[in-house]
């Protein structure tokens, strides 16, 4: 977020020929339907295995802490950015003052404001306090830093859009749906539920934006898995399975490619930035596993119908 150094047609067919041709078409259609059914059955089996795994006693013990861990992952990049601005204060001021040609007073005021906003906003989000203010503050920090630092690259924009998606998912997790109405009767059209559904949908769509560029340099198998997982999360189909899949893929590449701890040069800053940004997205995926896809999803419709 902040500055980092560097037909062949042979006549009219007879009745017998036409009959065989029609039968062939029907057979082909039946085979396609059978193949589709088999694929869905296998997907259901895999999804059920994942559900069984998440129902394991050890996982159940960790479940109450999962949302808090997810929120911390989501805001980790803001803590890292805050620490880096403080530890590299002179470099930040020099870049904005001399290269971006911004007034010195504005530079100092901007950096101090961003440090306070990111620290307070991230902490409030982790503690689930004043989440509207916290989410809005962190989103504003992302946008303002991009504008002030002049960071307009496609990779930077898409990555930060995904972080905003994670923030929206964290915010939606705080919306408590009211369960009853007048007379203690269930509310059929719950406004809080609809609001949470829309926010979760927006969060899911933004969260997977990163994978548009993530797949470009990966092998074909990873590309296929990533595309399938991205589509599933976007439409809310087998969301838990897809989130775990993308989370594992991103974690693997984050540890093996963005291993900044092995570097001491300027490359360390860039790798560290990407590492914590990816960690934020992993936190968003982990939270999706915990919260589900929400009302506006195929998973939720399947429960109804």
Protein backbone atom coordinates (compact mmCIF):
# COMPACT_ATOMS: atom_id res chain seq x y z
CA UNK A 1 0.00 0.00 0.00
CA UNK A 2 2.69 2.50 0.93
CA UNK A 3 6.03 3.06 -0.81
CA UNK A 4 8.35 0.04 -1.17
CA UNK A 5 11.75 0.60 -2.71
CA UNK A 6 12.15 -0.66 -5.77
CA UNK A 7 -21.49 -32.41 -42.83
CA UNK A 8 -21.14 -34.24 -45.39
CA UNK A 9 -24.55 -34.49 -47.12
CA UNK A 10 -25.21 -37.43 -49.51
CA UNK A 11 -28.93 -37.09 -50.21
CA UNK A 12 -32.19 -37.57 -48.38
CA UNK A 13 -31.86 -40.30 -45.74
CA UNK A 14 -34.22 -43.27 -45.66
CA UNK A 15 -36.56 -43.79 -42.74
CA UNK A 16 -34.25 -46.44 -41.32
CA UNK A 17 -31.24 -44.13 -41.55
CA UNK A 18 -33.15 -41.32 -39.92
CA UNK A 19 -34.19 -43.60 -37.10
CA UNK A 20 -30.64 -44.61 -36.37
CA UNK A 21 -29.44 -41.03 -36.52
CA UNK A 22 -32.09 -39.92 -34.02
CA UNK A 23 -31.22 -42.77 -31.73
CA UNK A 24 -27.57 -41.77 -31.86
CA UNK A 25 -28.44 -38.23 -30.79
CA UNK A 26 -30.54 -39.53 -27.94
CA UNK A 27 -27.77 -41.85 -26.88
CA UNK A 28 -25.24 -39.01 -26.94
CA UNK A 29 -27.54 -36.80 -24.87
CA UNK A 30 -28.10 -39.55 -22.33
CA UNK A 31 -24.35 -40.11 -22.08
CA UNK A 32 -23.74 -36.42 -21.48
CA UNK A 33 -26.38 -36.32 -18.75
CA UNK A 34 -24.90 -39.43 -17.16
CA UNK A 35 -21.42 -37.92 -17.20
CA UNK A 36 -22.72 -34.70 -15.65
CA UNK A 37 -24.55 -36.65 -12.93
CA UNK A 38 -21.42 -38.67 -12.18
CA UNK A 39 -19.31 -35.53 -11.87
CA UNK A 40 -21.81 -33.92 -9.51
CA UNK A 41 -22.02 -37.10 -7.44
CA UNK A 42 -18.23 -37.19 -7.08
CA UNK A 43 -18.23 -33.50 -6.14
CA UNK A 44 -20.89 -34.17 -3.51
CA UNK A 45 -18.80 -37.01 -2.09
CA UNK A 46 -15.75 -34.78 -1.86
CA UNK A 47 -17.79 -32.00 -0.30
CA UNK A 48 -19.19 -34.44 2.27
CA UNK A 49 -15.68 -35.57 3.16
CA UNK A 50 -14.71 -31.96 3.77
CA UNK A 51 -17.79 -31.48 5.94
CA UNK A 52 -16.86 -34.60 7.92
CA UNK A 53 -13.35 -33.24 8.37
CA UNK A 54 -14.62 -29.91 9.65
CA UNK A 55 -16.86 -31.80 12.09
CA UNK A 56 -13.85 -33.54 13.63
CA UNK A 57 -13.66 -32.96 17.43
CA UNK A 58 -10.29 -31.20 17.15
CA UNK A 59 -11.63 -28.82 14.47
CA UNK A 60 -14.76 -28.22 16.54
CA UNK A 61 -12.60 -27.11 19.46
CA UNK A 62 -10.95 -24.52 17.22
CA UNK A 63 -14.21 -23.39 15.60
CA UNK A 64 -15.10 -20.73 18.22
CA UNK A 65 -11.73 -19.06 17.62
CA UNK A 66 -11.83 -19.27 13.81
CA UNK A 67 -13.65 -15.95 13.18
CA UNK A 68 -11.20 -14.05 15.40
CA UNK A 69 -8.19 -15.68 13.72
CA UNK A 70 -9.70 -14.92 10.30
CA UNK A 71 -10.24 -11.28 11.18
CA UNK A 72 -6.68 -10.97 12.43
CA UNK A 73 -5.39 -12.44 9.14
CA UNK A 74 -7.54 -9.99 7.20
CA UNK A 75 -6.10 -6.95 8.97
CA UNK A 76 -2.53 -8.29 9.25
CA UNK A 77 -1.47 -6.31 6.18
CA UNK A 78 -2.55 -3.06 7.88
CA UNK A 79 -0.44 -3.79 10.97
CA UNK A 80 2.53 -4.66 8.75
CA UNK A 81 2.09 -1.47 6.72
CA UNK A 82 1.87 0.62 9.89
CA UNK A 83 5.06 -0.87 11.31
CA UNK A 84 6.90 -0.37 8.02
CA UNK A 85 5.92 3.30 7.70
CA UNK A 86 7.17 3.94 11.23
CA UNK A 87 10.41 1.99 10.77
CA UNK A 88 11.08 3.61 7.37
CA UNK A 89 9.77 7.06 8.18
CA UNK A 90 12.50 9.03 6.43
CA UNK A 91 12.15 6.98 3.23
CA UNK A 92 8.39 7.50 3.18
CA UNK A 93 8.70 11.25 3.66
CA UNK A 94 11.49 11.50 1.09
CA UNK A 95 9.48 9.60 -1.55
CA UNK A 96 6.28 11.60 -1.13
CA UNK A 97 8.04 14.94 -0.79
CA UNK A 98 10.69 14.63 -3.48
CA UNK A 99 9.23 12.17 -5.99
CA UNK A 100 5.52 12.80 -5.63
CA UNK A 101 6.18 16.54 -5.06
CA UNK A 102 3.67 16.85 -2.23
CA UNK A 103 3.96 19.60 0.42
CA UNK A 104 6.05 18.52 3.41
CA UNK A 105 3.36 19.44 5.93
CA UNK A 106 0.77 17.38 4.01
CA UNK A 107 3.14 14.39 3.82
CA UNK A 108 3.73 14.33 7.57
CA UNK A 109 0.05 14.86 8.37
CA UNK A 110 -0.98 12.16 5.89
CA UNK A 111 1.45 9.55 7.23
CA UNK A 112 0.52 10.20 10.85
CA UNK A 113 -3.19 10.00 9.99
CA UNK A 114 -2.75 6.76 8.06
CA UNK A 115 -0.75 5.16 10.88
CA UNK A 116 -3.42 5.99 13.44
CA UNK A 117 -6.31 5.06 11.13
CA UNK A 118 -4.87 1.66 10.18
CA UNK A 119 -3.90 0.76 13.75
CA UNK A 120 -7.21 1.78 15.31
CA UNK A 121 -9.34 0.46 12.43
CA UNK A 122 -7.60 -2.93 12.35
CA UNK A 123 -7.84 -3.32 16.13
CA UNK A 124 -11.53 -2.39 16.15
CA UNK A 125 -12.22 -4.96 13.41
CA UNK A 126 -10.44 -7.73 15.32
CA UNK A 127 -12.38 -6.86 18.48
CA UNK A 128 -15.65 -6.41 16.51
CA UNK A 129 -16.14 -2.86 17.78
CA UNK A 130 -17.75 -0.10 15.69
CA UNK A 131 -17.40 -2.26 12.59
CA UNK A 132 -19.03 0.20 10.19
CA UNK A 133 -16.44 2.82 11.13
CA UNK A 134 -13.59 0.31 11.21
CA UNK A 135 -14.40 -1.18 7.80
CA UNK A 136 -14.94 2.21 6.21
CA UNK A 137 -11.70 3.55 7.68
CA UNK A 138 -9.59 0.65 6.40
CA UNK A 139 -11.17 0.79 2.94
CA UNK A 140 -10.49 4.52 2.84
CA UNK A 141 -6.84 3.90 3.81
CA UNK A 142 -6.43 1.49 0.89
CA UNK A 143 -7.91 3.95 -1.62
CA UNK A 144 -6.13 7.05 -0.28
CA UNK A 145 -2.73 5.37 -0.13
CA UNK A 146 -3.11 4.20 -3.71
CA UNK A 147 -3.89 7.75 -4.83
CA UNK A 148 -1.24 9.52 -2.76
CA UNK A 149 1.55 7.06 -3.55
CA UNK A 150 0.52 6.85 -7.21
CA UNK A 151 0.14 3.07 -7.20
CA UNK A 152 -2.01 2.33 -10.25
CA UNK A 153 -0.66 -1.06 -11.40
CA UNK A 154 -3.20 -3.77 -12.25
CA UNK A 155 -1.70 -6.22 -9.77
CA UNK A 156 -1.81 -3.64 -6.95
CA UNK A 157 -5.42 -2.66 -7.71
CA UNK A 158 -6.73 -6.23 -7.99
CA UNK A 159 -4.90 -7.34 -4.86
CA UNK A 160 -6.33 -4.48 -2.82
CA UNK A 161 -9.81 -5.04 -4.23
CA UNK A 162 -9.57 -8.57 -2.82
CA UNK A 163 -8.51 -7.18 0.56
CA UNK A 164 -11.59 -4.93 0.52
CA UNK A 165 -13.63 -8.08 -0.21
CA UNK A 166 -12.16 -9.66 2.91
CA UNK A 167 -13.07 -6.57 4.94
CA UNK A 168 -16.68 -6.76 3.72
CA UNK A 169 -16.91 -10.44 4.67
CA UNK A 170 -15.55 -9.62 8.13
CA UNK A 171 -18.12 -6.84 8.43
CA UNK A 172 -20.99 -9.10 7.31
CA UNK A 173 -20.02 -11.63 9.96
CA UNK A 174 -20.96 -9.07 12.61
CA UNK A 175 -24.53 -8.65 11.36
CA UNK A 176 -26.79 -10.56 13.73
CA UNK A 177 -30.00 -11.71 12.08
CA UNK A 178 -33.09 -11.15 14.21
CA UNK A 179 -34.90 -14.44 14.66
CA UNK A 180 -38.37 -13.35 15.78
CA UNK A 181 -40.98 -10.69 15.17
CA UNK A 182 -44.15 -9.60 16.94
CA UNK A 183 -45.72 -12.48 18.80
CA UNK A 184 -42.48 -14.48 18.71
CA UNK A 185 -43.25 -15.62 15.14
CA UNK A 186 -40.38 -16.32 12.69
CA UNK A 187 -39.71 -13.50 10.28
CA UNK A 188 -39.90 -14.76 6.70
CA UNK A 189 -38.30 -11.75 5.05
CA UNK A 190 -35.52 -10.83 7.42
CA UNK A 191 -34.01 -7.46 6.51
CA UNK A 192 -30.80 -8.14 8.39
CA UNK A 193 -30.47 -11.46 6.58
CA UNK A 194 -30.91 -9.77 3.20
CA UNK A 195 -28.39 -7.09 4.05
CA UNK A 196 -25.88 -9.68 5.21
CA UNK A 197 -26.53 -11.68 2.02
CA UNK A 198 -25.79 -8.70 -0.23
CA UNK A 199 -22.64 -7.76 1.68
CA UNK A 200 -21.41 -11.36 1.64
CA UNK A 201 -22.08 -11.56 -2.11
CA UNK A 202 -20.10 -8.38 -2.72
CA UNK A 203 -17.34 -9.63 -0.43
CA UNK A 204 -17.13 -13.00 -2.22
CA UNK A 205 -16.98 -11.39 -5.65
CA UNK A 206 -14.27 -8.92 -4.62
CA UNK A 207 -12.31 -11.50 -2.64
CA UNK A 208 -11.64 -13.71 -5.68
CA UNK A 209 -10.56 -10.83 -7.93
CA UNK A 210 -6.92 -11.51 -7.00
CA UNK A 211 -7.06 -14.91 -8.69
CA UNK A 212 -7.58 -13.19 -12.07
CA UNK A 213 -3.85 -12.41 -12.08
CA UNK A 214 -2.75 -15.17 -9.72
CA UNK A 215 -3.29 -17.89 -12.34
CA UNK A 216 -1.29 -16.26 -15.15
CA UNK A 217 2.09 -17.68 -14.16
CA UNK A 218 0.93 -20.98 -12.64
CA UNK A 219 0.82 -24.51 -14.10
CA UNK A 220 -2.30 -25.69 -15.95
CA UNK A 221 -3.56 -27.89 -13.09
CA UNK A 222 -3.43 -25.01 -10.62
CA UNK A 223 -5.12 -22.76 -13.18
CA UNK A 224 -8.03 -25.22 -13.61
CA UNK A 225 -8.49 -25.66 -9.85
CA UNK A 226 -8.30 -21.92 -9.27
CA UNK A 227 -10.82 -21.08 -12.00
CA UNK A 228 -13.26 -23.72 -10.70
CA UNK A 229 -12.83 -22.50 -7.12
CA UNK A 230 -13.27 -18.87 -8.14
CA UNK A 231 -16.49 -19.59 -10.02
CA UNK A 232 -17.87 -21.69 -7.15
CA UNK A 233 -17.21 -18.96 -4.57
CA UNK A 234 -18.67 -16.27 -6.85
CA UNK A 235 -21.99 -18.10 -7.31
CA UNK A 236 -21.96 -19.66 -3.83
CA UNK A 237 -21.81 -23.31 -4.92
CA UNK A 238 -19.95 -25.76 -2.67
CA UNK A 239 -18.56 -22.63 -1.06
CA UNK A 240 -16.85 -24.29 1.89
CA UNK A 241 -15.01 -26.75 -0.38
CA UNK A 242 -14.00 -24.02 -2.84
CA UNK A 243 -12.81 -21.68 -0.08
CA UNK A 244 -10.65 -24.38 1.51
CA UNK A 245 -9.23 -25.27 -1.92
CA UNK A 246 -8.28 -21.69 -2.82
CA UNK A 247 -7.01 -21.07 0.70
CA UNK A 248 -4.66 -24.06 0.51
CA UNK A 249 -3.40 -23.06 -2.95
CA UNK A 250 -2.76 -19.48 -1.88
CA UNK A 251 -1.10 -20.59 1.37
CA UNK A 252 1.25 -22.94 -0.53
CA UNK A 253 2.36 -20.24 -2.96
CA UNK A 254 2.55 -17.65 -0.22
CA UNK A 255 5.01 -19.72 1.80
CA UNK A 256 7.07 -20.99 -1.15
CA UNK A 257 7.16 -17.85 -3.31
CA UNK A 258 6.70 -14.90 -0.94
CA UNK A 259 9.23 -16.20 1.61
CA UNK A 260 10.55 -12.74 2.43
CA UNK A 261 12.41 -14.02 5.50
CA UNK A 262 15.14 -15.37 3.19
CA UNK A 263 15.94 -11.94 1.74
CA UNK A 264 17.76 -8.90 3.09
CA UNK A 265 17.55 -6.62 0.05
CA UNK A 266 14.85 -4.32 -1.29
CA UNK A 267 13.09 -7.42 -2.66
CA UNK A 268 12.25 -8.30 0.93
CA UNK A 269 9.84 -5.35 1.20
CA UNK A 270 7.91 -6.31 -1.92
CA UNK A 271 7.69 -9.99 -0.96
CA UNK A 272 6.64 -9.05 2.56
CA UNK A 273 3.92 -6.78 1.17
CA UNK A 274 2.56 -9.56 -1.08
CA UNK A 275 2.82 -12.10 1.73
CA UNK A 276 0.65 -10.10 4.13
CA UNK A 277 -1.78 -9.09 1.40
CA UNK A 278 -2.25 -12.78 0.54
CA UNK A 279 -2.61 -13.54 4.25
CA UNK A 280 -5.49 -11.08 4.39
CA UNK A 281 -7.20 -12.86 1.48
CA UNK A 282 -6.58 -16.24 3.13
CA UNK A 283 -8.29 -14.83 6.23
CA UNK A 284 -11.28 -13.83 4.10
CA UNK A 285 -11.50 -17.34 2.62
CA UNK A 286 -11.25 -18.86 6.09
CA UNK A 287 -14.07 -16.62 7.27
CA UNK A 288 -16.22 -17.72 4.32
CA UNK A 289 -15.70 -21.32 5.47
CA UNK A 290 -16.99 -20.28 8.89
CA UNK A 291 -19.88 -17.99 7.87
CA UNK A 292 -21.03 -19.76 4.69
CA UNK A 293 -22.02 -18.11 1.42
CA UNK A 294 -25.06 -16.26 2.70
CA UNK A 295 -28.61 -16.05 1.34
CA UNK A 296 -27.64 -15.00 -2.18
CA UNK A 297 -26.00 -18.28 -3.15
CA UNK A 298 -26.76 -21.63 -4.77
CA UNK A 299 -25.88 -23.39 -1.52
CA UNK A 300 -28.61 -21.50 0.32
CA UNK A 301 -31.19 -22.08 -2.44
CA UNK A 302 -30.50 -25.83 -2.32
CA UNK A 303 -31.43 -25.81 1.38
CA UNK A 304 -34.80 -24.25 0.51
CA UNK A 305 -35.69 -26.34 -2.54
